[in-house]
Amino acid sequence: MPNDTALIQATEFADKGAIVRVTANKLHEHEATLVIQEMNAYLDSSQRNLIVADFEPVQFISSAGLGAMVTMNTELAKRGGRLVMINLSSDAMQVIKLTKLDKLIPVEKNLEKAQKRLLK
């Protein structure tokens, strides 16, 4: 996505895989809505369904941001795909563990492990 204001940047790998980097440093309701819109547009145009969501720049995730993760996961499941998250801040990881979101969406330590998990 060449748009400078885009909240995601995608890098494709393997046959159906893509690393989608969230570029916002906070995921409040507004950013979460935009991320979902951009993700759906990307999935429609790319036909990719094995997604590594890289949250490295994200320092804060609101409940709407957590909802966006669930929405992405659900949308990928409908398309026969899967989602793995990487590079979550310690605060974000704490919230994800408290909400047990990590039981629904896998979290890996690094890109290599995430790609291996998706390509199994």
PDB file of N, CA and C in Angstrom:
ATOM      1  N   MET A   1       0.838  -1.191   0.000  1.00  0.00           N
ATOM      2  CA  MET A   1       0.000   0.000   0.000  1.00  0.00           C
ATOM      3  C   MET A   1       0.872   1.240   0.000  1.00  0.00           C
ATOM      4  N   PRO A   2       0.961   1.905  -1.108  1.00  0.00           N
ATOM      5  CA  PRO A   2       1.844   3.044  -1.201  1.00  0.00           C
ATOM      6  C   PRO A   2       1.336   4.300  -0.485  1.00  0.00           C
ATOM      7  N   ASN A   3       0.132   4.284   0.022  1.00  0.00           N
ATOM      8  CA  ASN A   3      -0.450   5.432   0.716  1.00  0.00           C
ATOM      9  C   ASN A   3       0.369   5.772   1.972  1.00  0.00           C
ATOM     10  N   ASP A   4       0.841   7.020   2.072  1.00  0.00           N
ATOM     11  CA  ASP A   4       1.674   7.432   3.206  1.00  0.00           C
ATOM     12  C   ASP A   4       0.909   7.450   4.524  1.00  0.00           C
ATOM     13  N   THR A   5      -0.405   7.580   4.450  1.00  0.00           N
ATOM     14  CA  THR A   5      -1.201   7.620   5.669  1.00  0.00           C
ATOM     15  C   THR A   5      -1.725   6.241   6.052  1.00  0.00           C
ATOM     16  N   ALA A   6      -1.343   5.227   5.315  1.00  0.00           N
ATOM     17  CA  ALA A   6      -1.802   3.867   5.605  1.00  0.00           C
ATOM     18  C   ALA A   6      -1.338   3.433   6.992  1.00  0.00           C
ATOM     19  N   LEU A   7      -2.196   2.707   7.668  1.00  0.00           N
ATOM     20  CA  LEU A   7      -1.842   2.200   8.995  1.00  0.00           C
ATOM     21  C   LEU A   7      -1.308   0.783   8.931  1.00  0.00           C
ATOM     22  N   ILE A   8      -1.269   0.201   7.729  1.00  0.00           N
ATOM     23  CA  ILE A   8      -0.615  -1.100   7.580  1.00  0.00           C
ATOM     24  C   ILE A   8       0.315  -1.051   6.375  1.00  0.00           C
ATOM     25  N   GLN A   9       1.377  -1.854   6.465  1.00  0.00           N
ATOM     26  CA  GLN A   9       2.304  -2.054   5.352  1.00  0.00           C
ATOM     27  C   GLN A   9       2.479  -3.556   5.204  1.00  0.00           C
ATOM     28  N   ALA A  10       2.291  -4.059   4.004  1.00  0.00           N
ATOM     29  CA  ALA A  10       2.362  -5.502   3.789  1.00  0.00           C
ATOM     30  C   ALA A  10       3.602  -5.888   3.000  1.00  0.00           C
ATOM     31  N   THR A  11       4.204  -6.993   3.408  1.00  0.00           N
ATOM     32  CA  THR A  11       5.314  -7.613   2.702  1.00  0.00           C
ATOM     33  C   THR A  11       4.936  -9.072   2.506  1.00  0.00           C
ATOM     34  N   GLU A  12       4.916  -9.517   1.276  1.00  0.00           N
ATOM     35  CA  GLU A  12       4.432 -10.868   0.998  1.00  0.00           C
ATOM     36  C   GLU A  12       5.552 -11.892   1.100  1.00  0.00           C
ATOM     37  N   PHE A  13       5.159 -13.123   1.503  1.00  0.00           N
ATOM     38  CA  PHE A  13       6.096 -14.245   1.546  1.00  0.00           C
ATOM     39  C   PHE A  13       5.351 -15.519   1.180  1.00  0.00           C
ATOM     40  N   ALA A  14       6.102 -16.504   0.748  1.00  0.00           N
ATOM     41  CA  ALA A  14       5.559 -17.810   0.371  1.00  0.00           C
ATOM     42  C   ALA A  14       4.387 -17.630  -0.591  1.00  0.00           C
ATOM     43  N   ASP A  15       3.508 -18.596  -0.607  1.00  0.00           N
ATOM     44  CA  ASP A  15       2.418 -18.608  -1.567  1.00  0.00           C
ATOM     45  C   ASP A  15       1.256 -17.718  -1.153  1.00  0.00           C
ATOM     46  N   LYS A  16       0.830 -17.863   0.079  1.00  0.00           N
ATOM     47  CA  LYS A  16      -0.359 -17.155   0.563  1.00  0.00           C
ATOM     48  C   LYS A  16      -0.050 -16.261   1.759  1.00  0.00           C
ATOM     49  N   GLY A  17       1.232 -16.087   2.079  1.00  0.00           N
ATOM     50  CA  GLY A  17       1.599 -15.379   3.293  1.00  0.00           C
ATOM     51  C   GLY A  17       1.912 -13.910   3.101  1.00  0.00           C
ATOM     52  N   ALA A  18       1.713 -13.154   4.196  1.00  0.00           N
ATOM     53  CA  ALA A  18       2.093 -11.736   4.198  1.00  0.00           C
ATOM     54  C   ALA A  18       2.391 -11.304   5.630  1.00  0.00           C
ATOM     55  N   ILE A  19       3.372 -10.435   5.748  1.00  0.00           N
ATOM     56  CA  ILE A  19       3.662  -9.784   7.027  1.00  0.00           C
ATOM     57  C   ILE A  19       2.970  -8.430   6.927  1.00  0.00           C
ATOM     58  N   VAL A  20       2.061  -8.180   7.839  1.00  0.00           N
ATOM     59  CA  VAL A  20       1.335  -6.915   7.835  1.00  0.00           C
ATOM     60  C   VAL A  20       1.765  -6.142   9.068  1.00  0.00           C
ATOM     61  N   ARG A  21       2.486  -5.050   8.830  1.00  0.00           N
ATOM     62  CA  ARG A  21       3.005  -4.240   9.935  1.00  0.00           C
ATOM     63  C   ARG A  21       2.037  -3.100  10.212  1.00  0.00           C
ATOM     64  N   VAL A  22       1.569  -3.047  11.444  1.00  0.00           N
ATOM     65  CA  VAL A  22       0.708  -1.944  11.868  1.00  0.00           C
ATOM     66  C   VAL A  22       1.630  -0.772  12.194  1.00  0.00           C
ATOM     67  N   THR A  23       1.403   0.380  11.557  1.00  0.00           N
ATOM     68  CA  THR A  23       2.344   1.492  11.688  1.00  0.00           C
ATOM     69  C   THR A  23       1.950   2.516  12.750  1.00  0.00           C
ATOM     70  N   ALA A  24       0.744   2.434  13.261  1.00  0.00           N
ATOM     71  CA  ALA A  24       0.307   3.382  14.301  1.00  0.00           C
ATOM     72  C   ALA A  24       0.982   3.029  15.620  1.00  0.00           C
ATOM     73  N   ASN A  25       1.230   4.035  16.485  1.00  0.00           N
ATOM     74  CA  ASN A  25       1.799   3.679  17.786  1.00  0.00           C
ATOM     75  C   ASN A  25       0.720   3.530  18.858  1.00  0.00           C
ATOM     76  N   LYS A  26      -0.523   3.851  18.497  1.00  0.00           N
ATOM     77  CA  LYS A  26      -1.646   3.604  19.405  1.00  0.00           C
ATOM     78  C   LYS A  26      -2.808   3.072  18.590  1.00  0.00           C
ATOM     79  N   LEU A  27      -3.510   2.092  19.140  1.00  0.00           N
ATOM     80  CA  LEU A  27      -4.690   1.546  18.471  1.00  0.00           C
ATOM     81  C   LEU A  27      -5.919   1.864  19.308  1.00  0.00           C
ATOM     82  N   HIS A  28      -6.444   3.061  19.094  1.00  0.00           N
ATOM     83  CA  HIS A  28      -7.721   3.447  19.693  1.00  0.00           C
ATOM     84  C   HIS A  28      -8.810   3.071  18.691  1.00  0.00           C
ATOM     85  N   GLU A  29     -10.042   3.452  18.975  1.00  0.00           N
ATOM     86  CA  GLU A  29     -11.159   3.069  18.110  1.00  0.00           C
ATOM     87  C   GLU A  29     -10.963   3.528  16.664  1.00  0.00           C
ATOM     88  N   HIS A  30     -10.572   4.772  16.468  1.00  0.00           N
ATOM     89  CA  HIS A  30     -10.395   5.310  15.112  1.00  0.00           C
ATOM     90  C   HIS A  30      -9.340   4.518  14.334  1.00  0.00           C
ATOM     91  N   GLU A  31      -8.182   4.323  14.935  1.00  0.00           N
ATOM     92  CA  GLU A  31      -7.096   3.596  14.255  1.00  0.00           C
ATOM     93  C   GLU A  31      -7.493   2.141  14.018  1.00  0.00           C
ATOM     94  N   ALA A  32      -8.164   1.531  14.987  1.00  0.00           N
ATOM     95  CA  ALA A  32      -8.582   0.127  14.855  1.00  0.00           C
ATOM     96  C   ALA A  32      -9.533  -0.035  13.667  1.00  0.00           C
ATOM     97  N   THR A  33     -10.466   0.905  13.513  1.00  0.00           N
ATOM     98  CA  THR A  33     -11.408   0.862  12.390  1.00  0.00           C
ATOM     99  C   THR A  33     -10.661   0.981  11.063  1.00  0.00           C
ATOM    100  N   LEU A  34      -9.704   1.898  10.995  1.00  0.00           N
ATOM    101  CA  LEU A  34      -8.925   2.076   9.764  1.00  0.00           C
ATOM    102  C   LEU A  34      -8.071   0.843   9.457  1.00  0.00           C
ATOM    103  N   VAL A  35      -7.477   0.254  10.484  1.00  0.00           N
ATOM    104  CA  VAL A  35      -6.665  -0.952  10.277  1.00  0.00           C
ATOM    105  C   VAL A  35      -7.529  -2.068   9.687  1.00  0.00           C
ATOM    106  N   ILE A  36      -8.732  -2.246  10.217  1.00  0.00           N
ATOM    107  CA  ILE A  36      -9.632  -3.282   9.685  1.00  0.00           C
ATOM    108  C   ILE A  36      -9.986  -2.995   8.226  1.00  0.00           C
ATOM    109  N   GLN A  37     -10.313  -1.749   7.921  1.00  0.00           N
ATOM    110  CA  GLN A  37     -10.655  -1.387   6.534  1.00  0.00           C
ATOM    111  C   GLN A  37      -9.477  -1.658   5.596  1.00  0.00           C
ATOM    112  N   GLU A  38      -8.282  -1.238   6.011  1.00  0.00           N
ATOM    113  CA  GLU A  38      -7.094  -1.440   5.178  1.00  0.00           C
ATOM    114  C   GLU A  38      -6.768  -2.926   5.031  1.00  0.00           C
ATOM    115  N   MET A  39      -6.921  -3.666   6.125  1.00  0.00           N
ATOM    116  CA  MET A  39      -6.639  -5.103   6.082  1.00  0.00           C
ATOM    117  C   MET A  39      -7.603  -5.810   5.127  1.00  0.00           C
ATOM    118  N   ASN A  40      -8.888  -5.499   5.224  1.00  0.00           N
ATOM    119  CA  ASN A  40      -9.856  -6.138   4.335  1.00  0.00           C
ATOM    120  C   ASN A  40      -9.578  -5.795   2.881  1.00  0.00           C
ATOM    121  N   ALA A  41      -9.235  -4.546   2.601  1.00  0.00           N
ATOM    122  CA  ALA A  41      -8.892  -4.143   1.233  1.00  0.00           C
ATOM    123  C   ALA A  41      -7.658  -4.911   0.754  1.00  0.00           C
ATOM    124  N   TYR A  42      -6.665  -5.047   1.627  1.00  0.00           N
ATOM    125  CA  TYR A  42      -5.458  -5.792   1.260  1.00  0.00           C
ATOM    126  C   TYR A  42      -5.789  -7.263   0.988  1.00  0.00           C
ATOM    127  N   LEU A  43      -6.570  -7.882   1.870  1.00  0.00           N
ATOM    128  CA  LEU A  43      -6.922  -9.295   1.695  1.00  0.00           C
ATOM    129  C   LEU A  43      -7.697  -9.498   0.395  1.00  0.00           C
ATOM    130  N   ASP A  44      -8.619  -8.580   0.082  1.00  0.00           N
ATOM    131  CA  ASP A  44      -9.393  -8.679  -1.158  1.00  0.00           C
ATOM    132  C   ASP A  44      -8.494  -8.582  -2.390  1.00  0.00           C
ATOM    133  N   SER A  45      -7.546  -7.656  -2.363  1.00  0.00           N
ATOM    134  CA  SER A  45      -6.714  -7.423  -3.547  1.00  0.00           C
ATOM    135  C   SER A  45      -5.574  -8.436  -3.684  1.00  0.00           C
ATOM    136  N   SER A  46      -5.108  -8.988  -2.580  1.00  0.00           N
ATOM    137  CA  SER A  46      -3.913  -9.845  -2.637  1.00  0.00           C
ATOM    138  C   SER A  46      -4.223 -11.341  -2.675  1.00  0.00           C
ATOM    139  N   GLN A  47      -5.408 -11.724  -2.228  1.00  0.00           N
ATOM    140  CA  GLN A  47      -5.777 -13.142  -2.115  1.00  0.00           C
ATOM    141  C   GLN A  47      -4.869 -13.907  -1.139  1.00  0.00           C
ATOM    142  N   ARG A  48      -4.233 -13.197  -0.232  1.00  0.00           N
ATOM    143  CA  ARG A  48      -3.382 -13.824   0.786  1.00  0.00           C
ATOM    144  C   ARG A  48      -4.216 -14.075   2.032  1.00  0.00           C
ATOM    145  N   ASN A  49      -3.911 -15.165   2.735  1.00  0.00           N
ATOM    146  CA  ASN A  49      -4.705 -15.468   3.930  1.00  0.00           C
ATOM    147  C   ASN A  49      -3.900 -16.020   5.100  1.00  0.00           C
ATOM    148  N   LEU A  50      -2.595 -16.021   4.992  1.00  0.00           N
ATOM    149  CA  LEU A  50      -1.716 -16.412   6.102  1.00  0.00           C
ATOM    150  C   LEU A  50      -0.974 -15.151   6.526  1.00  0.00           C
ATOM    151  N   ILE A  51      -1.427 -14.553   7.619  1.00  0.00           N
ATOM    152  CA  ILE A  51      -0.964 -13.213   7.974  1.00  0.00           C
ATOM    153  C   ILE A  51      -0.197 -13.208   9.298  1.00  0.00           C
ATOM    154  N   VAL A  52       1.008 -12.627   9.243  1.00  0.00           N
ATOM    155  CA  VAL A  52       1.763 -12.300  10.447  1.00  0.00           C
ATOM    156  C   VAL A  52       1.485 -10.821  10.708  1.00  0.00           C
ATOM    157  N   ALA A  53       0.825 -10.515  11.815  1.00  0.00           N
ATOM    158  CA  ALA A  53       0.554  -9.121  12.172  1.00  0.00           C
ATOM    159  C   ALA A  53       1.671  -8.647  13.093  1.00  0.00           C
ATOM    160  N   ASP A  54       2.440  -7.678  12.605  1.00  0.00           N
ATOM    161  CA  ASP A  54       3.588  -7.147  13.337  1.00  0.00           C
ATOM    162  C   ASP A  54       3.168  -5.842  14.020  1.00  0.00           C
ATOM    163  N   PHE A  55       3.184  -5.867  15.350  1.00  0.00           N
ATOM    164  CA  PHE A  55       2.736  -4.727  16.134  1.00  0.00           C
ATOM    165  C   PHE A  55       3.891  -3.955  16.765  1.00  0.00           C
ATOM    166  N   GLU A  56       5.090  -4.036  16.179  1.00  0.00           N
ATOM    167  CA  GLU A  56       6.269  -3.431  16.806  1.00  0.00           C
ATOM    168  C   GLU A  56       6.091  -1.965  17.209  1.00  0.00           C
ATOM    169  N   PRO A  57       5.590  -1.079  16.345  1.00  0.00           N
ATOM    170  CA  PRO A  57       5.500   0.325  16.765  1.00  0.00           C
ATOM    171  C   PRO A  57       4.344   0.615  17.732  1.00  0.00           C
ATOM    172  N   VAL A  58       3.443  -0.338  17.925  1.00  0.00           N
ATOM    173  CA  VAL A  58       2.248  -0.105  18.739  1.00  0.00           C
ATOM    174  C   VAL A  58       2.592  -0.182  20.228  1.00  0.00           C
ATOM    175  N   GLN A  59       2.387   0.926  20.924  1.00  0.00           N
ATOM    176  CA  GLN A  59       2.668   0.978  22.360  1.00  0.00           C
ATOM    177  C   GLN A  59       1.415   0.828  23.213  1.00  0.00           C
ATOM    178  N   PHE A  60       0.245   1.164  22.639  1.00  0.00           N
ATOM    179  CA  PHE A  60      -0.996   1.079  23.395  1.00  0.00           C
ATOM    180  C   PHE A  60      -2.086   0.467  22.521  1.00  0.00           C
ATOM    181  N   ILE A  61      -2.815  -0.479  23.088  1.00  0.00           N
ATOM    182  CA  ILE A  61      -3.936  -1.096  22.385  1.00  0.00           C
ATOM    183  C   ILE A  61      -5.166  -0.969  23.274  1.00  0.00           C
ATOM    184  N   SER A  62      -6.177  -0.266  22.770  1.00  0.00           N
ATOM    185  CA  SER A  62      -7.434  -0.109  23.512  1.00  0.00           C
ATOM    186  C   SER A  62      -8.298  -1.360  23.311  1.00  0.00           C
ATOM    187  N   SER A  63      -9.446  -1.389  23.956  1.00  0.00           N
ATOM    188  CA  SER A  63     -10.359  -2.522  23.765  1.00  0.00           C
ATOM    189  C   SER A  63     -10.794  -2.590  22.300  1.00  0.00           C
ATOM    190  N   ALA A  64     -10.923  -1.439  21.638  1.00  0.00           N
ATOM    191  CA  ALA A  64     -11.262  -1.431  20.211  1.00  0.00           C
ATOM    192  C   ALA A  64     -10.142  -2.069  19.385  1.00  0.00           C
ATOM    193  N   GLY A  65      -8.897  -1.844  19.791  1.00  0.00           N
ATOM    194  CA  GLY A  65      -7.761  -2.469  19.125  1.00  0.00           C
ATOM    195  C   GLY A  65      -7.780  -3.980  19.289  1.00  0.00           C
ATOM    196  N   LEU A  66      -8.131  -4.443  20.495  1.00  0.00           N
ATOM    197  CA  LEU A  66      -8.266  -5.884  20.721  1.00  0.00           C
ATOM    198  C   LEU A  66      -9.389  -6.441  19.857  1.00  0.00           C
ATOM    199  N   GLY A  67     -10.469  -5.679  19.758  1.00  0.00           N
ATOM    200  CA  GLY A  67     -11.584  -6.089  18.903  1.00  0.00           C
ATOM    201  C   GLY A  67     -11.158  -6.196  17.448  1.00  0.00           C
ATOM    202  N   ALA A  68     -10.296  -5.288  17.017  1.00  0.00           N
ATOM    203  CA  ALA A  68      -9.788  -5.328  15.638  1.00  0.00           C
ATOM    204  C   ALA A  68      -8.996  -6.613  15.396  1.00  0.00           C
ATOM    205  N   MET A  69      -8.236  -7.041  16.391  1.00  0.00           N
ATOM    206  CA  MET A  69      -7.482  -8.293  16.258  1.00  0.00           C
ATOM    207  C   MET A  69      -8.434  -9.471  16.078  1.00  0.00           C
ATOM    208  N   VAL A  70      -9.497  -9.497  16.881  1.00  0.00           N
ATOM    209  CA  VAL A  70     -10.486 -10.571  16.780  1.00  0.00           C
ATOM    210  C   VAL A  70     -11.171 -10.522  15.412  1.00  0.00           C
ATOM    211  N   THR A  71     -11.501  -9.312  14.951  1.00  0.00           N
ATOM    212  CA  THR A  71     -12.131  -9.154  13.635  1.00  0.00           C
ATOM    213  C   THR A  71     -11.203  -9.652  12.532  1.00  0.00           C
ATOM    214  N   MET A  72      -9.912  -9.312  12.606  1.00  0.00           N
ATOM    215  CA  MET A  72      -8.949  -9.786  11.600  1.00  0.00           C
ATOM    216  C   MET A  72      -8.882 -11.308  11.615  1.00  0.00           C
ATOM    217  N   ASN A  73      -8.826 -11.877  12.807  1.00  0.00           N
ATOM    218  CA  ASN A  73      -8.749 -13.327  12.946  1.00  0.00           C
ATOM    219  C   ASN A  73      -9.989 -13.994  12.344  1.00  0.00           C
ATOM    220  N   THR A  74     -11.161 -13.449  12.633  1.00  0.00           N
ATOM    221  CA  THR A  74     -12.418 -13.996  12.120  1.00  0.00           C
ATOM    222  C   THR A  74     -12.471 -13.902  10.597  1.00  0.00           C
ATOM    223  N   GLU A  75     -12.074 -12.754  10.064  1.00  0.00           N
ATOM    224  CA  GLU A  75     -12.090 -12.560   8.612  1.00  0.00           C
ATOM    225  C   GLU A  75     -11.137 -13.537   7.922  1.00  0.00           C
ATOM    226  N   LEU A  76      -9.962 -13.728   8.505  1.00  0.00           N
ATOM    227  CA  LEU A  76      -9.005 -14.681   7.914  1.00  0.00           C
ATOM    228  C   LEU A  76      -9.538 -16.108   7.984  1.00  0.00           C
ATOM    229  N   ALA A  77     -10.189 -16.462   9.074  1.00  0.00           N
ATOM    230  CA  ALA A  77     -10.767 -17.807   9.202  1.00  0.00           C
ATOM    231  C   ALA A  77     -11.819 -18.041   8.119  1.00  0.00           C
ATOM    232  N   LYS A  78     -12.631 -17.016   7.834  1.00  0.00           N
ATOM    233  CA  LYS A  78     -13.649 -17.120   6.774  1.00  0.00           C
ATOM    234  C   LYS A  78     -12.993 -17.375   5.428  1.00  0.00           C
ATOM    235  N   ARG A  79     -11.781 -16.870   5.263  1.00  0.00           N
ATOM    236  CA  ARG A  79     -11.053 -17.009   3.994  1.00  0.00           C
ATOM    237  C   ARG A  79     -10.146 -18.247   4.003  1.00  0.00           C
ATOM    238  N   GLY A  80     -10.300 -19.087   5.010  1.00  0.00           N
ATOM    239  CA  GLY A  80      -9.481 -20.299   5.101  1.00  0.00           C
ATOM    240  C   GLY A  80      -8.070 -20.035   5.562  1.00  0.00           C
ATOM    241  N   GLY A  81      -7.842 -18.897   6.207  1.00  0.00           N
ATOM    242  CA  GLY A  81      -6.492 -18.516   6.618  1.00  0.00           C
ATOM    243  C   GLY A  81      -6.304 -18.468   8.119  1.00  0.00           C
ATOM    244  N   ARG A  82      -5.151 -17.926   8.508  1.00  0.00           N
ATOM    245  CA  ARG A  82      -4.791 -17.837   9.925  1.00  0.00           C
ATOM    246  C   ARG A  82      -4.016 -16.553  10.179  1.00  0.00           C
ATOM    247  N   LEU A  83      -4.004 -16.170  11.458  1.00  0.00           N
ATOM    248  CA  LEU A  83      -3.316 -14.967  11.910  1.00  0.00           C
ATOM    249  C   LEU A  83      -2.377 -15.337  13.052  1.00  0.00           C
ATOM    250  N   VAL A  84      -1.167 -14.784  13.026  1.00  0.00           N
ATOM    251  CA  VAL A  84      -0.218 -14.895  14.133  1.00  0.00           C
ATOM    252  C   VAL A  84       0.280 -13.480  14.412  1.00  0.00           C
ATOM    253  N   MET A  85       0.380 -13.128  15.698  1.00  0.00           N
ATOM    254  CA  MET A  85       0.833 -11.792  16.076  1.00  0.00           C
ATOM    255  C   MET A  85       2.270 -11.852  16.578  1.00  0.00           C
ATOM    256  N   ILE A  86       3.048 -10.800  16.277  1.00  0.00           N
ATOM    257  CA  ILE A  86       4.419 -10.691  16.773  1.00  0.00           C
ATOM    258  C   ILE A  86       4.679  -9.256  17.238  1.00  0.00           C
ATOM    259  N   ASN A  87       5.775  -9.120  17.984  1.00  0.00           N
ATOM    260  CA  ASN A  87       6.298  -7.811  18.421  1.00  0.00           C
ATOM    261  C   ASN A  87       5.289  -6.966  19.185  1.00  0.00           C
ATOM    262  N   LEU A  88       4.595  -7.597  20.115  1.00  0.00           N
ATOM    263  CA  LEU A  88       3.671  -6.856  20.972  1.00  0.00           C
ATOM    264  C   LEU A  88       4.448  -6.245  22.129  1.00  0.00           C
ATOM    265  N   SER A  89       4.100  -5.018  22.498  1.00  0.00           N
ATOM    266  CA  SER A  89       4.760  -4.382  23.644  1.00  0.00           C
ATOM    267  C   SER A  89       4.422  -5.173  24.903  1.00  0.00           C
ATOM    268  N   SER A  90       5.203  -4.995  25.951  1.00  0.00           N
ATOM    269  CA  SER A  90       4.936  -5.739  27.189  1.00  0.00           C
ATOM    270  C   SER A  90       3.560  -5.386  27.756  1.00  0.00           C
ATOM    271  N   ASP A  91       3.158  -4.104  27.657  1.00  0.00           N
ATOM    272  CA  ASP A  91       1.826  -3.713  28.126  1.00  0.00           C
ATOM    273  C   ASP A  91       0.735  -4.382  27.303  1.00  0.00           C
ATOM    274  N   ALA A  92       0.893  -4.375  25.983  1.00  0.00           N
ATOM    275  CA  ALA A  92      -0.097  -5.010  25.113  1.00  0.00           C
ATOM    276  C   ALA A  92      -0.161  -6.506  25.383  1.00  0.00           C
ATOM    277  N   MET A  93       1.002  -7.126  25.576  1.00  0.00           N
ATOM    278  CA  MET A  93       1.035  -8.563  25.838  1.00  0.00           C
ATOM    279  C   MET A  93       0.324  -8.893  27.149  1.00  0.00           C
ATOM    280  N   GLN A  94       0.502  -8.052  28.137  1.00  0.00           N
ATOM    281  CA  GLN A  94      -0.151  -8.249  29.426  1.00  0.00           C
ATOM    282  C   GLN A  94      -1.672  -8.231  29.260  1.00  0.00           C
ATOM    283  N   VAL A  95      -2.186  -7.267  28.504  1.00  0.00           N
ATOM    284  CA  VAL A  95      -3.629  -7.173  28.256  1.00  0.00           C
ATOM    285  C   VAL A  95      -4.112  -8.390  27.466  1.00  0.00           C
ATOM    286  N   ILE A  96      -3.349  -8.802  26.487  1.00  0.00           N
ATOM    287  CA  ILE A  96      -3.733  -9.949  25.663  1.00  0.00           C
ATOM    288  C   ILE A  96      -3.793 -11.223  26.504  1.00  0.00           C
ATOM    289  N   LYS A  97      -2.844 -11.385  27.410  1.00  0.00           N
ATOM    290  CA  LYS A  97      -2.871 -12.559  28.297  1.00  0.00           C
ATOM    291  C   LYS A  97      -4.050 -12.480  29.276  1.00  0.00           C
ATOM    292  N   LEU A  98      -4.302 -11.295  29.838  1.00  0.00           N
ATOM    293  CA  LEU A  98      -5.424 -11.124  30.771  1.00  0.00           C
ATOM    294  C   LEU A  98      -6.762 -11.437  30.112  1.00  0.00           C
ATOM    295  N   THR A  99      -6.912 -11.027  28.863  1.00  0.00           N
ATOM    296  CA  THR A  99      -8.166 -11.257  28.149  1.00  0.00           C
ATOM    297  C   THR A  99      -8.208 -12.643  27.494  1.00  0.00           C
ATOM    298  N   LYS A 100      -7.100 -13.364  27.609  1.00  0.00           N
ATOM    299  CA  LYS A 100      -6.952 -14.696  27.016  1.00  0.00           C
ATOM    300  C   LYS A 100      -7.068 -14.678  25.481  1.00  0.00           C
ATOM    301  N   LEU A 101      -6.804 -13.522  24.901  1.00  0.00           N
ATOM    302  CA  LEU A 101      -6.819 -13.402  23.447  1.00  0.00           C
ATOM    303  C   LEU A 101      -5.725 -14.268  22.810  1.00  0.00           C
ATOM    304  N   ASP A 102      -4.654 -14.510  23.576  1.00  0.00           N
ATOM    305  CA  ASP A 102      -3.573 -15.364  23.063  1.00  0.00           C
ATOM    306  C   ASP A 102      -4.013 -16.819  22.903  1.00  0.00           C
ATOM    307  N   LYS A 103      -5.149 -17.195  23.492  1.00  0.00           N
ATOM    308  CA  LYS A 103      -5.689 -18.549  23.298  1.00  0.00           C
ATOM    309  C   LYS A 103      -6.412 -18.642  21.957  1.00  0.00           C
ATOM    310  N   LEU A 104      -6.903 -17.501  21.465  1.00  0.00           N
ATOM    311  CA  LEU A 104      -7.608 -17.449  20.190  1.00  0.00           C
ATOM    312  C   LEU A 104      -6.646 -17.172  19.034  1.00  0.00           C
ATOM    313  N   ILE A 105      -5.742 -16.215  19.265  1.00  0.00           N
ATOM    314  CA  ILE A 105      -4.795 -15.813  18.227  1.00  0.00           C
ATOM    315  C   ILE A 105      -3.386 -16.064  18.741  1.00  0.00           C
ATOM    316  N   PRO A 106      -2.631 -16.930  18.064  1.00  0.00           N
ATOM    317  CA  PRO A 106      -1.274 -17.220  18.524  1.00  0.00           C
ATOM    318  C   PRO A 106      -0.362 -15.992  18.504  1.00  0.00           C
ATOM    319  N   VAL A 107       0.529 -15.951  19.478  1.00  0.00           N
ATOM    320  CA  VAL A 107       1.552 -14.903  19.559  1.00  0.00           C
ATOM    321  C   VAL A 107       2.906 -15.597  19.511  1.00  0.00           C
ATOM    322  N   GLU A 108       3.775 -15.128  18.638  1.00  0.00           N
ATOM    323  CA  GLU A 108       5.119 -15.691  18.544  1.00  0.00           C
ATOM    324  C   GLU A 108       6.145 -14.624  18.901  1.00  0.00           C
ATOM    325  N   LYS A 109       7.340 -15.079  19.270  1.00  0.00           N
ATOM    326  CA  LYS A 109       8.419 -14.176  19.692  1.00  0.00           C
ATOM    327  C   LYS A 109       9.046 -13.414  18.528  1.00  0.00           C
ATOM    328  N   ASN A 110       9.088 -14.082  17.348  1.00  0.00           N
ATOM    329  CA  ASN A 110       9.747 -13.429  16.213  1.00  0.00           C
ATOM    330  C   ASN A 110       9.125 -13.853  14.887  1.00  0.00           C
ATOM    331  N   LEU A 111       9.536 -13.185  13.844  1.00  0.00           N
ATOM    332  CA  LEU A 111       8.991 -13.403  12.508  1.00  0.00           C
ATOM    333  C   LEU A 111       9.221 -14.834  12.020  1.00  0.00           C
ATOM    334  N   GLU A 112      10.428 -15.336  12.228  1.00  0.00           N
ATOM    335  CA  GLU A 112      10.748 -16.680  11.746  1.00  0.00           C
ATOM    336  C   GLU A 112       9.797 -17.725  12.341  1.00  0.00           C
ATOM    337  N   LYS A 113       9.572 -17.652  13.656  1.00  0.00           N
ATOM    338  CA  LYS A 113       8.673 -18.615  14.311  1.00  0.00           C
ATOM    339  C   LYS A 113       7.237 -18.439  13.821  1.00  0.00           C
ATOM    340  N   ALA A 114       6.829 -17.207  13.602  1.00  0.00           N
ATOM    341  CA  ALA A 114       5.470 -16.928  13.131  1.00  0.00           C
ATOM    342  C   ALA A 114       5.263 -17.510  11.727  1.00  0.00           C
ATOM    343  N   GLN A 115       6.243 -17.294  10.848  1.00  0.00           N
ATOM    344  CA  GLN A 115       6.133 -17.826   9.480  1.00  0.00           C
ATOM    345  C   GLN A 115       6.093 -19.347   9.499  1.00  0.00           C
ATOM    346  N   LYS A 116       6.939 -19.977  10.306  1.00  0.00           N
ATOM    347  CA  LYS A 116       6.941 -21.431  10.401  1.00  0.00           C
ATOM    348  C   LYS A 116       5.579 -21.941  10.865  1.00  0.00           C
ATOM    349  N   ARG A 117       5.010 -21.259  11.849  1.00  0.00           N
ATOM    350  CA  ARG A 117       3.711 -21.665  12.392  1.00  0.00           C
ATOM    351  C   ARG A 117       2.625 -21.586  11.314  1.00  0.00           C
ATOM    352  N   LEU A 118       2.654 -20.536  10.520  1.00  0.00           N
ATOM    353  CA  LEU A 118       1.650 -20.382   9.465  1.00  0.00           C
ATOM    354  C   LEU A 118       1.814 -21.364   8.332  1.00  0.00           C
ATOM    355  N   LEU A 119       3.041 -21.740   8.041  1.00  0.00           N
ATOM    356  CA  LEU A 119       3.319 -22.591   6.875  1.00  0.00           C
ATOM    357  C   LEU A 119       3.272 -24.078   7.192  1.00  0.00           C
ATOM    358  N   LYS A 120       2.950 -24.437   8.428  1.00  0.00           N
ATOM    359  CA  LYS A 120       2.846 -25.862   8.798  1.00  0.00           C
ATOM    360  C   LYS A 120       1.797 -26.566   7.977  1.00  0.00           C
TER     361      LYS A 120
END
